[in-house]
Amino acid sequence: MRRISVIGGGLAGLTAAITAAEAGARVTLYEAHSSLGGRARTADAPYRTNEGPHALYYRGPHWTWLKQRDLLGPLAPIPPLEGSRFRFRRDGKLRKVPPAAMLRLVRRREAPVDRDFHSWAAQIAGEAGARAAARYSAVAIFHHDPGSLSAAFVQERLRRTTALPPEAHYPAGGWGSVVDLMTSMAWNLGVRMEIGTRVSELPQDAPVVVATSLPAARTLLGDSSLTWHSGRTVLVDLAVRQRRGDAFVVSDLDAPGWLERFSAGDATLAPAGEQLIQGQVPVAPDEGKAVGVARAEELLDLGYPGWRDRTVWRREALAAGRTGAVDPPGTTWRDRPAVDRGDGVYLAGDQVAAPGVLSEVAFASAIEAVTLALAEQRLGRAA
């Protein structure tokens, strides 16, 4: 049987391990932490938070991959839009609808790769429409200035996040439920899982899929070229006592930012009588966590009146370089670090050369990495 080693037990690593095992390979997966899942881990009760807001977009290839293997599990119902209190901050006030000019950009033909989104969008929707569209798209970009990125990159995410019916779906119980199902499948396929094992040198007896963060892969492989652009985002999670009229989502069109009451569709995420709110506010390279927290609190004041007196639990963090790749003008996903690193080493994760939005990149790159590894082994045996 062919052998493959996988380093990293997040979504990319589990996808690679399952794909390789399904093809008949003997797989060993190494995970440095005490549990699998990476950034897709879900905290234990009573507050079942993800590491930042998470959603599955059902038009993505990873949705089909998971569904075919019965790995999605039950999904939380999406609150109906007309009654969900989906709100937008615009000019300092909460509004029920985004500016009409913003939606013109969704219907336009494909945006150019080599222009920044703001300059391209402003010619179609005006300055205000372009700014609103860029800031709204930050929910799928985690970057402080989406308007400065490639127009094609931002428009794809704008289309996916404004689609009706909504593309975003939520695994009941948090992303950890998907990780549990993937872990069980990997185990049943015979994947050997070395948990709590930090790898400092690559195994030499088999092809290796490095499914870690890009900085970790750069250190492990000693390859300084493994860099790409990402964002910095302040994550704010809190549980508040329930109050009638709380918003489901608050999207900031005055500056990039997003708050979502995840327990609106999944009451199991928080104790009875409480609501779990998770938010992300991108910050610039020269801004600290306090800046993002202050902006998140401004949104909370608008969407969740009296939240300070109702808060029973709170957590804050700064996520730097952990929120996926962003493509500047003139670049696409093809320009990111290649999956095939040569000498039987393959890269998987959310900042490498694979298509998709958010976690879709990790799935796509993992499948590509295993496909290339197995093909190289077949060629080697034939030679």
Protein backbone atom coordinates (compact mmCIF):
# COMPACT_ATOMS: atom_id res chain seq x y z
CA MET A 1 0.00 0.00 0.00
CA ARG A 2 1.12 3.56 -0.65
CA ARG A 3 2.06 5.69 2.36
CA ILE A 4 1.33 9.38 2.99
CA SER A 5 2.09 11.54 6.02
CA VAL A 6 -0.10 14.53 6.85
CA ILE A 7 1.17 17.24 9.20
CA GLY A 8 -1.65 19.25 10.75
CA GLY A 9 -5.08 18.12 11.92
CA GLY A 10 -7.27 21.05 10.94
CA LEU A 11 -9.80 21.02 8.11
CA ALA A 12 -7.07 20.77 5.47
CA GLY A 13 -5.26 17.96 7.27
CA LEU A 14 -8.41 15.92 7.93
CA THR A 15 -9.54 16.38 4.31
CA ALA A 16 -6.13 15.24 3.05
CA ALA A 17 -6.10 12.23 5.38
CA ILE A 18 -9.59 11.10 4.38
CA THR A 19 -8.92 11.61 0.66
CA ALA A 20 -5.68 9.62 0.81
CA ALA A 21 -7.20 6.81 2.89
CA GLU A 22 -10.15 6.52 0.51
CA ALA A 23 -7.62 5.97 -2.29
CA GLY A 24 -6.10 3.07 -0.37
CA ALA A 25 -3.07 4.82 1.09
CA ARG A 26 -1.71 4.15 4.57
CA VAL A 27 -1.98 7.53 6.28
CA THR A 28 -0.34 8.91 9.40
CA LEU A 29 -1.60 12.28 10.61
CA TYR A 30 0.42 14.38 13.07
CA GLU A 31 -1.26 17.10 15.15
CA ALA A 32 0.72 19.25 17.59
CA HIS A 33 -2.27 20.16 19.78
CA SER A 34 -4.19 17.87 22.09
CA SER A 35 -7.25 17.89 19.84
CA LEU A 36 -8.01 17.98 16.12
CA GLY A 37 -9.78 20.74 14.23
CA GLY A 38 -7.34 23.65 14.10
CA ARG A 39 -9.26 26.90 13.75
CA ALA A 40 -12.45 24.88 13.23
CA ARG A 41 -12.49 23.74 16.86
CA THR A 42 -15.56 24.65 18.88
CA ALA A 43 -15.29 25.50 22.57
CA ASP A 44 -16.98 23.30 25.13
CA ALA A 45 -20.28 24.29 26.71
CA PRO A 46 -21.74 26.45 28.09
CA TYR A 47 -20.61 28.84 25.31
CA ARG A 48 -19.90 26.89 22.14
CA THR A 49 -17.92 29.49 20.27
CA ASN A 50 -15.88 28.99 17.13
CA GLU A 51 -12.55 30.72 16.68
CA GLY A 52 -14.17 33.66 14.95
CA PRO A 53 -17.42 33.61 12.94
CA HIS A 54 -17.68 30.49 10.78
CA ALA A 55 -20.11 29.48 8.03
CA LEU A 56 -20.34 26.89 5.26
CA TYR A 57 -21.19 28.26 1.82
CA TYR A 58 -23.30 25.63 0.11
CA ARG A 59 -22.30 26.44 -3.49
CA GLY A 60 -18.68 25.67 -2.73
CA PRO A 61 -17.00 22.40 -3.73
CA HIS A 62 -16.32 21.48 -0.11
CA TRP A 63 -20.07 21.41 0.55
CA THR A 64 -20.49 18.67 -2.06
CA TRP A 65 -17.44 16.81 -0.75
CA LEU A 66 -18.79 16.82 2.82
CA LYS A 67 -22.34 15.98 1.80
CA GLN A 68 -21.30 13.01 -0.34
CA ARG A 69 -19.59 11.52 2.72
CA ASP A 70 -22.40 12.37 5.15
CA LEU A 71 -20.05 14.66 7.07
CA LEU A 72 -22.22 17.77 7.30
CA GLY A 73 -24.40 16.59 10.15
CA PRO A 74 -27.51 18.54 11.11
CA LEU A 75 -27.58 22.20 10.13
CA ALA A 76 -28.95 25.02 12.21
CA PRO A 77 -31.98 26.72 10.63
CA ILE A 78 -31.36 30.14 9.12
CA PRO A 79 -33.69 32.79 10.55
CA PRO A 80 -36.02 34.14 7.83
CA LEU A 81 -34.59 37.38 6.49
CA GLU A 82 -37.82 39.33 6.81
CA GLY A 83 -37.97 38.69 10.55
CA SER A 84 -34.34 38.23 11.44
CA ARG A 85 -33.43 41.86 12.06
CA PHE A 86 -30.58 41.88 9.56
CA ARG A 87 -29.28 45.41 9.93
CA PHE A 88 -26.69 47.68 8.32
CA ARG A 89 -24.86 50.56 9.96
CA ARG A 90 -24.70 53.38 7.48
CA ASP A 91 -23.86 56.99 8.35
CA GLY A 92 -23.91 56.09 12.02
CA LYS A 93 -27.45 54.68 12.04
CA LEU A 94 -28.96 51.21 11.73
CA ARG A 95 -30.88 50.62 8.51
CA LYS A 96 -32.86 47.69 7.17
CA VAL A 97 -31.46 47.69 3.64
CA PRO A 98 -28.06 48.41 2.08
CA PRO A 99 -27.68 51.22 -0.48
CA ALA A 100 -29.16 50.21 -3.83
CA ALA A 101 -25.98 51.30 -5.61
CA MET A 102 -24.05 48.58 -3.78
CA LEU A 103 -26.20 45.85 -5.29
CA ARG A 104 -25.44 46.99 -8.83
CA LEU A 105 -21.95 45.57 -8.43
CA VAL A 106 -23.29 42.08 -7.80
CA ARG A 107 -25.05 42.00 -11.18
CA ARG A 108 -22.12 43.33 -13.19
CA ARG A 109 -20.03 41.08 -15.39
CA GLU A 110 -16.78 39.76 -13.99
CA ALA A 111 -14.58 42.39 -12.38
CA PRO A 112 -10.97 42.85 -13.55
CA VAL A 113 -8.09 41.19 -11.74
CA ASP A 114 -5.59 43.99 -12.28
CA ARG A 115 -7.62 46.86 -10.80
CA ASP A 116 -8.39 47.58 -7.17
CA PHE A 117 -12.01 47.02 -6.20
CA HIS A 118 -12.76 50.58 -5.09
CA SER A 119 -11.66 52.36 -8.26
CA TRP A 120 -13.50 49.83 -10.44
CA ALA A 121 -16.66 49.82 -8.30
CA ALA A 122 -16.80 53.62 -7.97
CA GLN A 123 -17.20 53.97 -11.75
CA ILE A 124 -20.30 51.75 -11.57
CA ALA A 125 -21.88 52.49 -8.20
CA GLY A 126 -20.33 55.79 -7.16
CA GLU A 127 -18.00 56.43 -4.25
CA ALA A 128 -20.56 55.66 -1.53
CA GLY A 129 -21.74 52.46 -3.19
CA ALA A 130 -18.18 51.27 -3.72
CA ARG A 131 -17.25 51.89 -0.08
CA ALA A 132 -20.38 50.14 1.20
CA ALA A 133 -19.83 47.12 -1.02
CA ALA A 134 -16.18 46.78 0.00
CA ARG A 135 -16.99 47.00 3.69
CA TYR A 136 -19.86 44.54 3.44
CA SER A 137 -17.60 42.02 1.70
CA ALA A 138 -15.25 42.10 4.71
CA VAL A 139 -17.39 39.36 6.30
CA ALA A 140 -15.66 36.93 3.91
CA ILE A 141 -12.29 38.72 3.69
CA PHE A 142 -11.24 39.78 7.24
CA HIS A 143 -9.22 42.70 5.87
CA HIS A 144 -9.25 46.33 7.03
CA ASP A 145 -9.36 47.76 3.45
CA PRO A 146 -11.11 45.40 1.00
CA GLY A 147 -11.38 48.23 -1.53
CA SER A 148 -7.60 48.12 -2.04
CA LEU A 149 -7.65 44.45 -3.11
CA SER A 150 -8.18 42.94 -6.55
CA ALA A 151 -11.62 43.80 -7.94
CA ALA A 152 -12.14 40.20 -9.09
CA PHE A 153 -11.23 38.85 -5.65
CA VAL A 154 -13.66 41.12 -3.79
CA GLN A 155 -16.51 40.83 -6.27
CA GLU A 156 -16.55 37.03 -6.00
CA ARG A 157 -16.96 37.30 -2.25
CA LEU A 158 -19.55 40.04 -2.57
CA ARG A 159 -21.63 37.79 -4.82
CA ARG A 160 -21.35 34.82 -2.50
CA THR A 161 -22.29 36.78 0.63
CA THR A 162 -25.26 38.63 -0.93
CA ALA A 163 -26.79 35.61 -2.70
CA LEU A 164 -30.46 34.82 -2.14
CA PRO A 165 -31.33 32.42 -0.72
CA PRO A 166 -28.30 32.85 1.53
CA GLU A 167 -25.35 30.58 0.80
CA ALA A 168 -24.12 30.58 4.40
CA HIS A 169 -25.17 27.62 6.52
CA TYR A 170 -24.20 26.68 10.05
CA PRO A 171 -23.45 23.21 11.44
CA ALA A 172 -25.61 22.62 14.52
CA GLY A 173 -23.42 22.74 17.60
CA GLY A 174 -20.65 24.67 15.84
CA TRP A 175 -17.90 23.64 13.45
CA GLY A 176 -16.66 21.14 16.02
CA SER A 177 -19.52 18.83 15.02
CA VAL A 178 -18.11 18.63 11.47
CA VAL A 179 -14.61 18.03 12.86
CA ASP A 180 -15.96 15.18 15.01
CA LEU A 181 -17.58 13.52 11.99
CA MET A 182 -14.43 13.93 9.89
CA THR A 183 -12.31 12.52 12.71
CA SER A 184 -14.56 9.47 13.03
CA MET A 185 -14.43 8.84 9.30
CA ALA A 186 -10.64 9.13 9.23
CA TRP A 187 -10.40 6.70 12.12
CA ASN A 188 -12.73 4.21 10.43
CA LEU A 189 -10.63 4.44 7.26
CA GLY A 190 -7.58 3.38 9.22
CA VAL A 191 -5.82 6.74 9.50
CA ARG A 192 -3.21 6.63 12.25
CA MET A 193 -3.51 9.84 14.28
CA GLU A 194 -0.60 11.04 16.38
CA ILE A 195 -2.20 13.70 18.61
CA GLY A 196 -0.01 16.02 20.66
CA THR A 197 2.94 15.33 18.39
CA ARG A 198 4.86 18.32 17.12
CA VAL A 199 6.89 17.58 13.99
CA SER A 200 10.22 19.37 13.60
CA GLU A 201 11.52 17.34 10.66
CA LEU A 202 9.67 15.89 7.69
CA PRO A 203 9.18 12.12 7.54
CA GLN A 204 11.48 10.69 4.86
CA ASP A 205 9.70 7.45 4.00
CA ALA A 206 6.60 8.82 2.23
CA PRO A 207 5.14 11.88 0.50
CA VAL A 208 4.17 14.57 2.99
CA VAL A 209 1.20 16.93 2.99
CA VAL A 210 1.98 19.95 5.17
CA ALA A 211 -1.45 21.17 6.24
CA THR A 212 -0.46 23.85 8.74
CA SER A 213 -0.65 27.63 8.75
CA LEU A 214 1.64 29.26 6.21
CA PRO A 215 4.02 30.68 8.89
CA ALA A 216 4.32 27.21 10.47
CA ALA A 217 4.98 25.64 7.06
CA ARG A 218 7.63 28.29 6.34
CA THR A 219 9.46 27.36 9.54
CA LEU A 220 9.10 23.60 9.10
CA LEU A 221 10.26 23.62 5.46
CA GLY A 222 12.85 26.37 5.90
CA ASP A 223 11.37 28.10 2.87
CA SER A 224 11.27 31.90 3.14
CA SER A 225 9.17 32.14 -0.04
CA LEU A 226 6.12 30.78 1.79
CA THR A 227 4.45 34.12 2.41
CA TRP A 228 1.20 35.68 1.28
CA HIS A 229 -1.07 38.58 2.18
CA SER A 230 -3.69 38.21 4.90
CA GLY A 231 -5.57 40.38 7.35
CA ARG A 232 -5.69 41.26 11.05
CA THR A 233 -9.02 40.94 12.76
CA VAL A 234 -10.24 41.57 16.28
CA LEU A 235 -12.61 38.83 17.44
CA VAL A 236 -15.19 39.66 20.09
CA ASP A 237 -17.44 36.98 21.59
CA LEU A 238 -20.01 37.57 24.27
CA ALA A 239 -23.06 36.03 25.84
CA VAL A 240 -25.91 38.32 26.86
CA ARG A 241 -29.20 37.74 28.58
CA GLN A 242 -31.94 37.40 26.02
CA ARG A 243 -33.89 40.46 24.97
CA ARG A 244 -36.68 40.71 22.45
CA GLY A 245 -35.68 42.74 19.40
CA ASP A 246 -31.94 42.01 19.34
CA ALA A 247 -30.48 42.08 15.83
CA PHE A 248 -29.51 38.85 14.11
CA VAL A 249 -26.71 40.49 12.11
CA VAL A 250 -25.18 43.95 12.16
CA SER A 251 -23.05 44.67 9.10
CA ASP A 252 -20.95 47.82 9.34
CA LEU A 253 -20.93 49.81 6.10
CA ASP A 254 -19.15 52.76 7.71
CA ALA A 255 -16.05 50.63 8.34
CA PRO A 256 -15.47 46.89 7.92
CA GLY A 257 -17.06 44.93 10.75
CA TRP A 258 -19.65 42.23 11.41
CA LEU A 259 -21.64 41.02 14.43
CA GLU A 260 -23.82 37.92 14.34
CA ARG A 261 -26.12 36.38 16.95
CA PHE A 262 -25.29 32.75 16.23
CA SER A 263 -27.72 31.41 18.81
CA ALA A 264 -30.63 32.87 16.79
CA GLY A 265 -30.61 29.69 14.70
CA ASP A 266 -28.94 27.32 17.15
CA ALA A 267 -30.08 27.64 20.75
CA THR A 268 -27.64 24.91 21.86
CA LEU A 269 -24.71 27.33 21.59
CA ALA A 270 -25.59 29.12 24.85
CA PRO A 271 -27.55 28.35 28.05
CA ALA A 272 -31.30 28.89 28.11
CA GLY A 273 -32.22 32.56 28.32
CA GLU A 274 -28.88 33.71 26.88
CA GLN A 275 -27.71 34.68 23.40
CA LEU A 276 -24.27 34.08 21.90
CA ILE A 277 -22.92 36.92 19.75
CA GLN A 278 -19.70 36.60 17.74
CA GLY A 279 -18.11 39.43 15.84
CA GLN A 280 -15.08 40.31 13.78
CA VAL A 281 -13.68 43.78 13.16
CA PRO A 282 -10.65 44.04 10.83
CA VAL A 283 -7.89 46.42 11.92
CA ALA A 284 -4.99 47.98 10.03
CA PRO A 285 -1.38 46.81 10.56
CA ASP A 286 -0.67 49.83 12.78
CA GLU A 287 -3.82 49.43 14.91
CA GLY A 288 -4.05 47.43 18.11
CA LYS A 289 -6.76 45.23 19.55
CA ALA A 290 -8.28 48.13 21.48
CA VAL A 291 -9.25 49.87 18.22
CA GLY A 292 -11.21 46.86 17.00
CA VAL A 293 -12.85 46.31 20.37
CA ALA A 294 -14.01 49.94 20.49
CA ARG A 295 -15.58 49.67 17.04
CA ALA A 296 -17.24 46.38 17.96
CA GLU A 297 -18.76 48.06 21.01
CA GLU A 298 -20.16 50.83 18.82
CA LEU A 299 -21.95 48.20 16.74
CA LEU A 300 -23.17 46.44 19.87
CA ASP A 301 -24.64 49.72 21.13
CA LEU A 302 -26.70 49.98 17.95
CA GLY A 303 -27.81 46.38 17.50
CA TYR A 304 -28.06 45.15 21.07
CA PRO A 305 -29.30 47.96 23.36
CA GLY A 306 -28.35 47.47 27.00
CA TRP A 307 -25.82 44.76 26.14
CA ARG A 308 -23.35 45.91 28.79
CA ASP A 309 -25.78 45.29 31.64
CA ARG A 310 -26.89 42.00 30.08
CA THR A 311 -23.40 40.54 29.45
CA VAL A 312 -22.65 37.36 31.39
CA TRP A 313 -19.49 36.24 29.53
CA ARG A 314 -17.02 37.87 27.18
CA ARG A 315 -13.83 37.04 25.27
CA GLU A 316 -11.57 39.04 22.93
CA ALA A 317 -8.65 38.11 20.67
CA LEU A 318 -6.56 39.47 17.81
CA ALA A 319 -6.22 37.14 14.82
CA ALA A 320 -3.19 38.06 12.72
CA GLY A 321 -2.43 36.12 9.53
CA ARG A 322 -4.96 33.43 10.48
CA THR A 323 -7.88 34.54 8.38
CA GLY A 324 -7.05 33.24 4.93
CA ALA A 325 -5.41 34.75 1.86
CA VAL A 326 -6.27 38.07 0.23
CA ASP A 327 -5.24 38.90 -3.34
CA PRO A 328 -3.89 42.37 -4.20
CA PRO A 329 -4.56 43.85 -7.66
CA GLY A 330 -2.82 41.93 -10.41
CA THR A 331 -2.84 38.62 -8.52
CA THR A 332 -5.16 35.63 -8.20
CA TRP A 333 -5.11 32.44 -6.16
CA ARG A 334 -2.76 30.97 -8.77
CA ASP A 335 -0.03 33.37 -7.62
CA ARG A 336 -0.05 32.13 -4.02
CA PRO A 337 2.47 29.51 -2.80
CA ALA A 338 2.12 26.40 -4.95
CA VAL A 339 0.69 23.17 -3.57
CA ASP A 340 3.53 21.08 -5.05
CA ARG A 341 6.78 22.04 -3.30
CA GLY A 342 8.86 19.32 -4.98
CA ASP A 343 10.66 16.30 -3.51
CA GLY A 344 7.40 14.71 -2.39
CA VAL A 345 6.25 17.69 -0.28
CA TYR A 346 2.82 19.24 -0.79
CA LEU A 347 1.17 22.24 0.83
CA ALA A 348 -2.45 22.59 1.96
CA GLY A 349 -4.25 25.37 3.82
CA ASP A 350 -6.20 28.57 3.33
CA GLN A 351 -3.32 30.70 1.98
CA VAL A 352 -2.07 28.51 -0.86
CA ALA A 353 -2.73 28.22 -4.60
CA ALA A 354 -6.27 26.85 -4.66
CA PRO A 355 -9.64 28.44 -5.53
CA GLY A 356 -12.55 29.12 -3.21
CA VAL A 357 -13.77 31.35 -0.42
CA LEU A 358 -12.50 31.04 3.16
CA SER A 359 -12.31 27.37 4.23
CA GLU A 360 -13.01 26.20 0.67
CA VAL A 361 -9.34 26.95 -0.10
CA ALA A 362 -8.20 24.53 2.61
CA PHE A 363 -10.44 21.75 1.26
CA ALA A 364 -9.46 22.31 -2.38
CA SER A 365 -5.74 22.48 -1.67
CA ALA A 366 -5.85 19.33 0.49
CA ILE A 367 -7.53 17.31 -2.26
CA GLU A 368 -5.10 18.67 -4.85
CA ALA A 369 -2.12 17.84 -2.62
CA VAL A 370 -3.19 14.22 -2.17
CA THR A 371 -4.03 13.83 -5.87
CA LEU A 372 -0.55 15.03 -6.82
CA ALA A 373 1.15 12.90 -4.18
CA LEU A 374 -0.58 9.71 -5.28
CA ALA A 375 0.07 10.45 -8.94
CA GLU A 376 3.78 10.95 -8.23
CA GLN A 377 3.91 7.64 -6.36
CA ARG A 378 2.28 5.85 -9.28
CA LEU A 379 4.76 7.38 -11.70
CA GLY A 380 7.64 6.41 -9.44
CA ARG A 381 6.50 2.81 -9.27
CA ALA A 382 6.00 2.68 -13.05
CA ALA A 383 9.53 3.97 -13.62
